[in-house]
Amino acid sequence: MFPTSATFTSSALPGQVPPGTRARIAALLSSWDERAFASVATRHWPGAGPVLPRLSRGANHGLLWFGAAAGIAVLGRGARSRRAALRGVVSLGLASAAINTVGKRAVRRPRPLIDGVPVIRRLNRQPFTTSFPSGHAASAAAFATGVALESKGWGAVVAPLAAAVALSRVYTGVHYPSDVLAGAALGVGAAYAVRGLVPTRSQLPAPGRPYTEAPALPGGRELIVVVNLASGSSDTAAQVRDALPHAEIVECAPEEIGTELEKAAGRCRALGVLGGDGTVNRAARTALRYGLPLAVFPGGTLNHFAYDLGNETVQDTCRAVTAGDAIRVDLGRFTPGPDGAATGHFLNTFSLGVYPELVRVREHWAPRIGGWPAGILAALKVLREGHPLEAEFEGRRRSLWLLFAGNSLYERMGPTPGHRRHLADGLLDVRVVHGGRAPGLRLLAAALAGPLSRSPVHAAERRSRLHIKGIAPGTPLAFDGEVAEAPAELVLDKAAESLTVYRPQALL
């Protein structure tokens, strides 16, 4: 007998799930959710009683993760750790914004009944927002994923903590398991969305740096490393000693750096340097004169050149020295007039205008109040009292607040430029902030404009050579954090691929 038509009657269109089926699926999921909640919330978890509720409270408003970010940035002592901490916090911020503006309002699910949850597990203050999705789980997953995308090591440290926070939300009875799973998925998505906007270093294209060979020095044999004691790099020097036991380490005061570099260059196969950008600049000039390869260890405050080079840790440089892996890089140079010999070189930046004065004021106050406060004080003072620079370039007399020249093009890392992918492109990254009113706003507009842009207040372009004339007597210039008096006429250009620097081949 054929089945009656009632057996197949359905209001669903072809290809759609019948309403009754959808209801059964929803009921099954809800039943599973409630059983899983009861299992977690009522089960005895040895050792979890005093830990998970505190973790759950500690993660309120992201406080736990802000503290973790600070710990990573301080204990990591490197650019990769600071980037991991920053990426984790930004990912958390995006996840939290998405949860609070969209997630909680889209699904107004009531919180679980906590009658079966032991009183000792319950939070002192029960949440009053809707249950789906879990904001705590989203923040935990976003922070942990953001950190892991930048640093796998720190990601492995943070992941168990994030999982514990997510579990604590069910353990304390304030969320169903599906709330936590959905929140965690949104958090992971937020971290990847941030990576789409601001790529990690591993996503950047392969750098255009010409590989070359340098003497392989197992254990640092025939390497002399000059250490600037004023840069706060004593711990880093100890790491160098441990990794390269045959290297000679020379620690000296800032005023002795030049003398010690000259002494070392006369009796070594490779010259090493550990200090800030100014110290590295002096070592680069010495290595260039003696035809020596340079080993740069990141031990200063900012380490711009070492990080752009790719040597983010002492181990990176030690690995390159041991294997004899190196690259060739450009040196920027400035000359008093078109026919003179180069009087100075710069690895990072050269500038005229308000920045040299800012450096001078900052260096005056830094020993008394610290580097960052001194920098803020210097910026306020210079922007309030500074005067535009009058100079002639490109055949025209101009009024400038700032003339900046970078050794190779500075590319964007997020909203502002600040990283060089090439260190041997033969070009200067020239940027000019025109004179006029409101120097602070003009400098801010220039910082946000990025490379290769033009506006009424700012211009930027690539050049291989720049000729500047008519500079007023006493005008300061700055290069790699050092300040000197500018001559009346200057020519900026590049010594292409003139310096050999150690860098592990694995990073190329």
Protein backbone atom coordinates (compact mmCIF):
# COMPACT_ATOMS: atom_id res chain seq x y z
CA MET A 1 0.00 0.00 0.00
CA PHE A 2 1.27 3.49 -0.78
CA PRO A 3 1.78 5.76 2.17
CA THR A 4 -0.84 8.36 2.76
CA SER A 5 -0.10 11.90 1.69
CA ALA A 6 -0.12 13.01 5.32
CA THR A 7 3.07 11.06 5.86
CA PHE A 8 4.96 13.42 3.54
CA THR A 9 3.09 16.63 4.18
CA SER A 10 5.42 19.53 5.00
CA SER A 11 5.27 23.30 4.75
CA ALA A 12 8.98 23.51 3.82
CA LEU A 13 9.99 24.41 0.30
CA PRO A 14 12.34 22.10 -1.62
CA GLY A 15 15.89 22.37 -0.27
CA GLN A 16 14.78 23.83 3.08
CA VAL A 17 14.85 22.21 6.52
CA PRO A 18 11.27 21.66 7.74
CA PRO A 19 10.27 23.84 10.70
CA GLY A 20 9.66 20.76 12.81
CA THR A 21 13.19 19.54 12.12
CA ARG A 22 14.66 22.89 13.03
CA ALA A 23 12.75 22.84 16.29
CA ARG A 24 13.96 19.31 17.08
CA ILE A 25 17.59 20.32 16.32
CA ALA A 26 17.25 23.39 18.55
CA ALA A 27 15.76 21.26 21.32
CA LEU A 28 18.59 18.72 21.03
CA LEU A 29 21.23 21.46 21.18
CA SER A 30 19.50 23.10 24.13
CA SER A 31 19.27 19.76 25.90
CA TRP A 32 22.97 19.07 25.27
CA ASP A 33 23.85 22.55 26.48
CA GLU A 34 21.93 22.11 29.72
CA ARG A 35 23.39 18.65 30.38
CA ALA A 36 26.92 19.89 29.71
CA PHE A 37 26.32 22.90 31.96
CA ALA A 38 25.05 20.71 34.78
CA SER A 39 28.00 18.34 34.37
CA VAL A 40 30.58 21.12 34.60
CA ALA A 41 28.84 23.30 37.16
CA THR A 42 28.01 20.53 39.64
CA ARG A 43 31.00 18.23 39.21
CA HIS A 44 33.80 18.27 41.78
CA TRP A 45 37.04 19.61 40.21
CA PRO A 46 39.98 19.00 42.56
CA GLY A 47 41.91 22.23 43.19
CA ALA A 48 39.55 24.36 41.07
CA GLY A 49 37.53 25.80 43.95
CA PRO A 50 39.93 28.54 45.07
CA VAL A 51 41.29 29.22 41.56
CA LEU A 52 38.59 29.42 38.89
CA PRO A 53 36.22 31.89 40.63
CA ARG A 54 39.17 34.23 41.27
CA LEU A 55 40.28 33.94 37.65
CA SER A 56 36.75 34.71 36.51
CA ARG A 57 36.60 37.84 38.69
CA GLY A 58 40.14 38.86 37.75
CA ALA A 59 39.20 38.86 34.07
CA ASN A 60 36.43 41.42 34.61
CA HIS A 61 36.90 44.43 32.31
CA GLY A 62 40.01 42.79 30.81
CA LEU A 63 42.15 43.58 33.88
CA LEU A 64 43.79 40.15 33.89
CA TRP A 65 44.80 40.53 30.25
CA PHE A 66 46.11 44.06 30.64
CA GLY A 67 48.30 42.78 33.45
CA ALA A 68 49.43 39.85 31.31
CA ALA A 69 50.28 42.22 28.45
CA ALA A 70 52.39 44.37 30.78
CA GLY A 71 54.18 41.27 32.04
CA ILE A 72 54.92 40.03 28.51
CA ALA A 73 56.25 43.42 27.43
CA VAL A 74 58.51 43.74 30.50
CA LEU A 75 59.71 40.16 30.89
CA GLY A 76 60.13 39.59 27.16
CA ARG A 77 62.61 42.45 26.77
CA GLY A 78 62.34 42.45 23.01
CA ALA A 79 60.38 43.88 20.10
CA ARG A 80 58.61 40.58 19.41
CA SER A 81 57.29 40.40 22.98
CA ARG A 82 56.11 44.01 22.89
CA ARG A 83 54.38 43.41 19.56
CA ALA A 84 52.73 40.28 20.97
CA ALA A 85 51.44 42.19 24.01
CA LEU A 86 50.13 45.05 21.87
CA ARG A 87 48.47 42.72 19.36
CA GLY A 88 46.80 40.81 22.19
CA VAL A 89 45.36 43.99 23.73
CA VAL A 90 44.12 45.35 20.39
CA SER A 91 42.50 41.99 19.55
CA LEU A 92 40.83 41.98 22.96
CA GLY A 93 39.52 45.50 22.37
CA LEU A 94 37.98 44.56 19.04
CA ALA A 95 36.37 41.40 20.47
CA SER A 96 34.96 43.28 23.45
CA ALA A 97 33.50 45.99 21.21
CA ALA A 98 31.88 43.41 18.94
CA ILE A 99 30.38 41.48 21.87
CA ASN A 100 28.99 44.51 23.67
CA THR A 101 27.60 46.35 20.64
CA VAL A 102 26.28 43.44 18.56
CA GLY A 103 26.60 40.03 20.21
CA LYS A 104 24.71 40.65 23.44
CA ARG A 105 21.89 42.46 21.66
CA ALA A 106 21.45 39.98 18.82
CA VAL A 107 20.64 36.96 21.04
CA ARG A 108 18.93 37.82 24.31
CA ARG A 109 19.46 34.53 26.08
CA PRO A 110 18.81 34.43 29.84
CA ARG A 111 21.53 33.30 32.21
CA PRO A 112 21.50 29.70 33.49
CA LEU A 113 19.67 28.85 36.70
CA ILE A 114 22.31 28.48 39.39
CA ASP A 115 20.24 26.54 41.93
CA GLY A 116 22.39 23.44 41.40
CA VAL A 117 25.72 25.32 41.53
CA PRO A 118 27.45 25.05 44.93
CA VAL A 119 27.35 28.38 46.75
CA ILE A 120 31.12 28.41 47.23
CA ARG A 121 31.59 28.56 43.42
CA ARG A 122 29.19 31.38 42.73
CA LEU A 123 30.43 34.87 41.97
CA ASN A 124 29.78 37.53 44.60
CA ARG A 125 28.05 39.66 41.98
CA GLN A 126 26.02 37.86 39.37
CA PRO A 127 26.14 39.37 35.82
CA PHE A 128 22.99 41.17 34.71
CA THR A 129 23.64 41.16 30.93
CA THR A 130 22.36 38.45 28.59
CA SER A 131 24.17 35.13 28.49
CA PHE A 132 25.04 34.66 24.81
CA PRO A 133 27.87 34.95 23.87
CA SER A 134 30.43 34.98 26.70
CA GLY A 135 32.37 38.23 26.73
CA HIS A 136 35.00 36.79 29.07
CA ALA A 137 35.65 33.86 26.72
CA ALA A 138 35.81 36.21 23.74
CA SER A 139 38.35 38.47 25.46
CA ALA A 140 40.44 35.51 26.62
CA ALA A 141 40.50 33.88 23.18
CA ALA A 142 41.18 37.17 21.41
CA PHE A 143 44.10 38.04 23.67
CA ALA A 144 45.65 34.56 23.55
CA THR A 145 45.26 34.28 19.77
CA GLY A 146 46.64 37.77 19.17
CA VAL A 147 49.68 37.01 21.31
CA ALA A 148 50.24 33.62 19.62
CA LEU A 149 50.04 35.13 16.11
CA GLU A 150 53.04 37.32 16.99
CA SER A 151 54.93 35.01 19.36
CA LYS A 152 54.28 31.26 19.57
CA GLY A 153 56.26 31.02 22.80
CA TRP A 154 54.20 33.60 24.66
CA GLY A 155 51.05 32.17 23.06
CA ALA A 156 51.81 28.79 24.64
CA VAL A 157 52.18 30.50 28.02
CA VAL A 158 48.92 32.46 27.76
CA ALA A 159 46.71 29.74 26.19
CA PRO A 160 46.18 27.66 29.38
CA LEU A 161 45.24 30.80 31.29
CA ALA A 162 42.72 31.76 28.60
CA ALA A 163 41.23 28.25 28.62
CA ALA A 164 40.91 28.38 32.41
CA VAL A 165 39.06 31.70 32.25
CA ALA A 166 36.66 30.30 29.64
CA LEU A 167 36.03 27.19 31.76
CA SER A 168 35.49 29.33 34.86
CA ARG A 169 32.43 30.93 33.30
CA VAL A 170 30.63 27.58 33.22
CA TYR A 171 32.15 26.40 36.50
CA THR A 172 30.76 29.45 38.34
CA GLY A 173 27.36 29.03 36.71
CA VAL A 174 27.12 32.26 34.72
CA HIS A 175 27.28 30.81 31.18
CA TYR A 176 26.22 27.79 29.18
CA PRO A 177 29.00 25.93 27.33
CA SER A 178 27.66 27.15 23.97
CA ASP A 179 27.97 30.75 25.20
CA VAL A 180 31.65 30.10 25.92
CA LEU A 181 32.30 28.32 22.60
CA ALA A 182 30.62 31.09 20.61
CA GLY A 183 32.50 33.78 22.53
CA ALA A 184 35.82 32.00 21.99
CA ALA A 185 35.11 31.71 18.25
CA LEU A 186 34.36 35.43 18.06
CA GLY A 187 37.56 36.20 19.96
CA VAL A 188 39.68 34.15 17.58
CA GLY A 189 37.97 35.88 14.66
CA ALA A 190 38.73 39.30 16.15
CA ALA A 191 42.44 38.44 16.44
CA TYR A 192 42.56 37.36 12.80
CA ALA A 193 40.66 40.51 11.77
CA VAL A 194 43.35 42.59 13.46
CA ARG A 195 46.01 40.59 11.63
CA GLY A 196 44.21 41.38 8.37
CA LEU A 197 44.54 45.10 9.13
CA VAL A 198 48.05 45.01 10.61
CA PRO A 199 50.08 42.03 9.34
CA THR A 200 52.45 40.20 11.64
CA ARG A 201 56.15 40.24 10.79
CA SER A 202 55.88 36.68 9.46
CA GLN A 203 53.31 37.83 6.88
CA LEU A 204 55.49 40.56 5.41
CA PRO A 205 57.07 39.84 2.02
CA ALA A 206 60.63 38.56 1.95
CA PRO A 207 62.97 41.52 2.55
CA GLY A 208 65.11 42.77 -0.30
CA ARG A 209 68.52 42.57 1.33
CA PRO A 210 71.51 41.20 -0.58
CA TYR A 211 72.98 38.18 1.17
CA THR A 212 76.73 37.96 1.58
CA GLU A 213 79.21 35.84 3.49
CA ALA A 214 81.22 36.95 6.49
CA PRO A 215 83.77 35.13 8.65
CA ALA A 216 82.17 32.27 10.59
CA LEU A 217 83.26 32.66 14.22
CA PRO A 218 82.22 29.58 16.28
CA GLY A 219 81.75 30.57 19.88
CA GLY A 220 82.56 34.18 18.93
CA ARG A 221 86.26 33.52 18.40
CA GLU A 222 88.05 36.67 17.08
CA LEU A 223 84.95 38.79 17.74
CA ILE A 224 85.23 41.83 20.00
CA VAL A 225 81.97 43.29 21.32
CA VAL A 226 82.05 46.88 22.61
CA VAL A 227 79.30 47.51 25.18
CA ASN A 228 77.99 50.96 26.13
CA LEU A 229 77.35 50.70 29.87
CA ALA A 230 75.04 53.74 29.78
CA SER A 231 72.49 51.94 27.60
CA GLY A 232 71.32 49.63 30.38
CA SER A 233 72.54 46.55 28.49
CA SER A 234 74.46 44.67 31.21
CA ASP A 235 71.97 41.77 31.20
CA THR A 236 72.27 41.53 27.43
CA ALA A 237 76.05 41.49 27.68
CA ALA A 238 75.76 38.48 30.00
CA GLN A 239 73.62 36.73 27.37
CA VAL A 240 76.30 37.39 24.76
CA ARG A 241 78.97 35.92 27.05
CA ASP A 242 76.90 32.79 27.56
CA ALA A 243 76.14 32.31 23.86
CA LEU A 244 79.61 33.27 22.54
CA PRO A 245 82.10 32.24 25.24
CA HIS A 246 85.17 32.94 23.07
CA ALA A 247 84.17 36.53 22.24
CA GLU A 248 85.94 39.38 23.97
CA ILE A 249 83.49 41.73 25.72
CA VAL A 250 84.68 45.31 26.33
CA GLU A 251 82.41 47.36 28.61
CA CYS A 252 82.99 51.11 28.67
CA ALA A 253 81.45 54.47 29.47
CA PRO A 254 79.89 56.57 26.66
CA GLU A 255 82.88 58.90 26.42
CA GLU A 256 85.19 55.91 25.83
CA ILE A 257 83.15 54.30 23.03
CA GLY A 258 85.08 55.84 20.13
CA THR A 259 88.50 54.93 21.58
CA GLU A 260 87.50 51.35 22.40
CA LEU A 261 85.99 50.81 18.96
CA GLU A 262 89.22 51.93 17.33
CA LYS A 263 91.28 49.62 19.55
CA ALA A 264 89.00 46.67 18.86
CA ALA A 265 88.92 47.24 15.10
CA GLY A 266 92.70 46.91 14.91
CA ARG A 267 92.80 43.39 16.35
CA CYS A 268 89.62 41.49 15.42
CA ARG A 269 88.02 39.75 12.43
CA ALA A 270 84.56 41.12 13.24
CA LEU A 271 83.40 44.08 15.32
CA GLY A 272 80.45 43.73 17.65
CA VAL A 273 78.43 46.46 19.32
CA LEU A 274 75.83 46.49 22.09
CA GLY A 275 74.13 49.80 22.81
CA GLY A 276 71.68 52.37 21.49
CA ASP A 277 71.39 53.67 17.94
CA GLY A 278 74.05 56.33 18.50
CA THR A 279 76.54 53.71 19.67
CA VAL A 280 75.67 51.46 16.73
CA ASN A 281 76.23 54.41 14.38
CA ARG A 282 79.77 54.91 15.71
CA ALA A 283 80.50 51.20 15.38
CA ALA A 284 79.19 51.18 11.78
CA ARG A 285 81.51 54.04 10.82
CA THR A 286 84.47 52.25 12.43
CA ALA A 287 83.62 48.95 10.72
CA LEU A 288 83.32 50.76 7.39
CA ARG A 289 86.78 52.36 7.76
CA TYR A 290 88.46 49.08 8.67
CA GLY A 291 86.51 46.91 6.21
CA LEU A 292 85.08 44.71 9.00
CA PRO A 293 81.73 42.96 9.26
CA LEU A 294 79.54 44.33 12.05
CA ALA A 295 77.60 42.28 14.62
CA VAL A 296 74.74 44.34 16.09
CA PHE A 297 73.24 43.06 19.35
CA PRO A 298 69.89 44.60 20.42
CA GLY A 299 70.77 46.11 23.77
CA GLY A 300 69.68 49.75 23.60
CA THR A 301 66.40 51.45 24.40
CA LEU A 302 64.83 51.39 20.94
CA ASN A 303 67.16 49.29 18.74
CA HIS A 304 65.71 50.65 15.48
CA PHE A 305 68.48 49.39 13.24
CA ALA A 306 68.78 45.96 14.89
CA TYR A 307 65.04 45.34 14.65
CA ASP A 308 64.76 46.51 11.04
CA LEU A 309 67.76 44.34 10.30
CA GLY A 310 65.89 41.38 11.76
CA ASN A 311 68.08 40.77 14.82
CA GLU A 312 65.35 40.99 17.43
CA THR A 313 67.16 38.86 20.02
CA VAL A 314 70.75 38.24 21.09
CA GLN A 315 70.32 34.69 19.83
CA ASP A 316 69.59 35.95 16.30
CA THR A 317 72.92 37.76 16.14
CA CYS A 318 74.86 34.94 17.80
CA ARG A 319 73.47 32.41 15.33
CA ALA A 320 74.56 34.60 12.41
CA VAL A 321 78.07 35.12 13.83
CA THR A 322 78.54 31.39 14.35
CA ALA A 323 77.34 30.52 10.84
CA GLY A 324 78.97 33.45 9.02
CA ASP A 325 75.65 34.67 7.58
CA ALA A 326 75.42 38.36 6.71
CA ILE A 327 73.81 40.92 4.43
CA ARG A 328 74.95 44.17 2.83
CA VAL A 329 73.18 47.38 3.82
CA ASP A 330 73.25 51.00 2.70
CA LEU A 331 74.64 53.84 4.76
CA GLY A 332 73.15 57.31 4.51
CA ARG A 333 75.72 60.10 4.50
CA PHE A 334 75.82 63.89 4.68
CA THR A 335 78.49 66.11 3.14
CA PRO A 336 79.18 69.87 3.50
CA GLY A 337 78.66 70.82 -0.13
CA PRO A 338 78.62 68.85 -3.36
CA ASP A 339 82.41 68.38 -3.57
CA GLY A 340 83.32 67.66 0.05
CA ALA A 341 84.08 64.37 1.77
CA ALA A 342 81.35 62.78 3.88
CA THR A 343 81.41 64.15 7.42
CA GLY A 344 78.80 61.82 8.84
CA HIS A 345 76.79 58.67 8.21
CA PHE A 346 73.39 57.57 9.42
CA LEU A 347 71.94 54.07 9.67
CA ASN A 348 68.41 55.21 10.49
CA THR A 349 67.49 58.87 10.11
CA PHE A 350 68.78 62.39 9.51
CA SER A 351 66.79 65.52 10.30
CA LEU A 352 66.84 69.31 10.40
CA GLY A 353 64.31 71.55 12.13
CA VAL A 354 62.45 70.96 15.37
CA TYR A 355 63.52 67.35 15.90
CA PRO A 356 67.22 68.06 16.58
CA GLU A 357 66.16 70.63 19.17
CA LEU A 358 63.80 68.05 20.68
CA VAL A 359 66.70 65.58 20.97
CA ARG A 360 68.87 68.20 22.64
CA VAL A 361 66.22 69.10 25.24
CA ARG A 362 65.40 65.44 25.87
CA GLU A 363 69.04 64.53 26.47
CA HIS A 364 69.38 67.44 28.90
CA TRP A 365 66.46 66.27 31.07
CA ALA A 366 66.66 62.47 30.67
CA PRO A 367 69.30 61.88 33.39
CA ARG A 368 67.12 63.77 35.88
CA ILE A 369 63.56 62.59 35.15
CA GLY A 370 63.92 59.58 32.84
CA GLY A 371 63.77 59.09 29.07
CA TRP A 372 60.02 59.03 28.34
CA PRO A 373 59.07 61.97 30.62
CA ALA A 374 61.98 63.92 29.16
CA GLY A 375 60.74 63.18 25.64
CA ILE A 376 57.26 64.50 26.45
CA LEU A 377 58.68 67.61 28.11
CA ALA A 378 60.97 68.22 25.13
CA ALA A 379 58.10 67.87 22.64
CA LEU A 380 55.94 70.37 24.53
CA LYS A 381 58.79 72.84 24.85
CA VAL A 382 59.86 72.62 21.20
CA LEU A 383 56.34 72.88 19.80
CA ARG A 384 55.67 75.94 21.96
CA GLU A 385 58.95 77.77 21.46
CA GLY A 386 60.44 76.37 18.25
CA HIS A 387 60.96 78.42 15.10
CA PRO A 388 60.76 77.26 11.47
CA LEU A 389 63.97 76.51 9.61
CA GLU A 390 64.79 78.66 6.59
CA ALA A 391 66.70 76.79 3.87
CA GLU A 392 66.91 76.38 0.11
CA PHE A 393 66.36 73.09 -1.67
CA GLU A 394 64.93 72.12 -5.03
CA GLY A 395 65.92 75.64 -6.12
CA ARG A 396 63.49 77.38 -3.79
CA ARG A 397 63.78 79.15 -0.45
CA ARG A 398 61.46 77.46 2.01
CA SER A 399 60.23 77.68 5.59
CA LEU A 400 60.21 74.25 7.25
CA TRP A 401 59.28 72.83 10.60
CA LEU A 402 61.03 69.57 9.81
CA LEU A 403 63.14 67.95 7.11
CA PHE A 404 63.52 64.20 7.61
CA ALA A 405 65.59 61.74 5.57
CA GLY A 406 65.43 58.03 6.29
CA ASN A 407 68.09 55.53 5.25
CA SER A 408 65.79 53.48 2.95
CA LEU A 409 62.01 53.72 2.77
CA TYR A 410 59.99 53.54 5.96
CA GLU A 411 56.82 51.54 5.37
CA ARG A 412 53.54 51.42 7.22
CA MET A 413 53.03 49.07 10.14
CA GLY A 414 49.36 49.82 10.87
CA PRO A 415 48.22 53.47 10.83
CA THR A 416 51.69 55.05 10.86
CA PRO A 417 55.01 54.36 9.15
CA GLY A 418 57.83 52.98 11.24
CA HIS A 419 59.46 49.89 9.73
CA ARG A 420 61.94 49.34 6.91
CA ARG A 421 61.65 46.15 4.89
CA HIS A 422 64.63 47.06 2.63
CA LEU A 423 67.96 48.26 3.94
CA ALA A 424 69.71 48.32 0.56
CA ASP A 425 67.35 50.09 -1.84
CA GLY A 426 69.74 52.96 -2.66
CA LEU A 427 67.08 55.54 -1.71
CA LEU A 428 66.40 58.19 0.90
CA ASP A 429 62.92 58.51 2.39
CA VAL A 430 62.61 62.34 2.36
CA ARG A 431 59.75 64.04 4.21
CA VAL A 432 59.15 67.73 4.72
CA VAL A 433 56.76 69.54 7.06
CA HIS A 434 56.25 73.02 5.65
CA GLY A 435 56.39 76.11 7.84
CA GLY A 436 53.25 77.88 9.00
CA ARG A 437 51.02 78.05 12.03
CA ALA A 438 50.24 75.21 14.46
CA PRO A 439 53.42 73.14 14.19
CA GLY A 440 51.95 70.43 16.44
CA LEU A 441 49.02 69.83 14.09
CA ARG A 442 51.30 69.92 11.07
CA LEU A 443 53.68 67.36 12.56
CA LEU A 444 50.75 65.12 13.53
CA ALA A 445 49.32 65.35 10.01
CA ALA A 446 52.73 64.42 8.60
CA ALA A 447 53.00 61.41 10.92
CA LEU A 448 49.57 60.11 9.88
CA ALA A 449 50.04 60.81 6.18
CA GLY A 450 52.58 58.03 5.65
CA PRO A 451 55.18 57.70 2.91
CA LEU A 452 54.96 59.16 -0.58
CA SER A 453 52.14 61.60 0.08
CA ARG A 454 51.65 65.30 -0.54
CA SER A 455 49.49 67.83 1.25
CA PRO A 456 49.54 71.59 1.96
CA VAL A 457 51.54 70.87 5.14
CA HIS A 458 53.52 67.79 4.23
CA ALA A 459 55.41 66.24 1.33
CA ALA A 460 57.23 62.92 1.03
CA GLU A 461 59.12 61.28 -1.79
CA ARG A 462 61.98 58.91 -2.59
CA ARG A 463 65.31 60.39 -3.62
CA SER A 464 68.84 59.16 -4.10
CA ARG A 465 70.34 62.61 -3.42
CA LEU A 466 69.24 65.88 -1.80
CA HIS A 467 71.06 69.23 -1.91
CA ILE A 468 70.24 71.81 0.81
CA LYS A 469 71.68 75.36 0.87
CA GLY A 470 71.38 78.54 2.88
CA ILE A 471 71.14 76.92 6.31
CA ALA A 472 71.42 79.54 9.06
CA PRO A 473 74.50 79.38 11.33
CA GLY A 474 73.92 77.43 14.54
CA THR A 475 71.13 75.29 13.06
CA PRO A 476 71.24 71.84 14.72
CA LEU A 477 71.04 68.57 12.80
CA ALA A 478 70.29 65.12 14.23
CA PHE A 479 71.37 61.71 12.98
CA ASP A 480 70.64 58.42 14.75
CA GLY A 481 69.92 60.26 17.99
CA GLU A 482 73.12 62.33 17.91
CA VAL A 483 73.05 66.15 17.56
CA ALA A 484 75.60 68.37 15.78
CA GLU A 485 75.71 71.82 14.17
CA ALA A 486 74.72 71.90 10.50
CA PRO A 487 76.99 73.55 7.91
CA ALA A 488 75.58 76.22 5.61
CA GLU A 489 75.29 73.70 2.76
CA LEU A 490 74.57 69.99 2.84
CA VAL A 491 74.32 67.10 0.39
CA LEU A 492 72.55 63.92 1.48
CA ASP A 493 73.09 60.69 -0.45
CA LYS A 494 73.74 56.97 0.02
CA ALA A 495 76.78 54.70 0.17
CA ALA A 496 74.99 51.76 -1.42
CA GLU A 497 75.61 48.28 0.08
CA SER A 498 78.73 49.58 1.77
CA LEU A 499 78.40 47.83 5.14
CA THR A 500 78.36 44.10 5.89
CA VAL A 501 76.22 43.16 8.90
CA TYR A 502 75.62 39.76 10.48
CA ARG A 503 72.11 38.40 10.17
CA PRO A 504 70.91 34.77 10.25
CA GLN A 505 70.13 33.36 6.81
CA ALA A 506 66.97 31.74 8.16
CA LEU A 507 65.44 35.22 8.50
CA LEU A 508 66.09 36.22 4.89
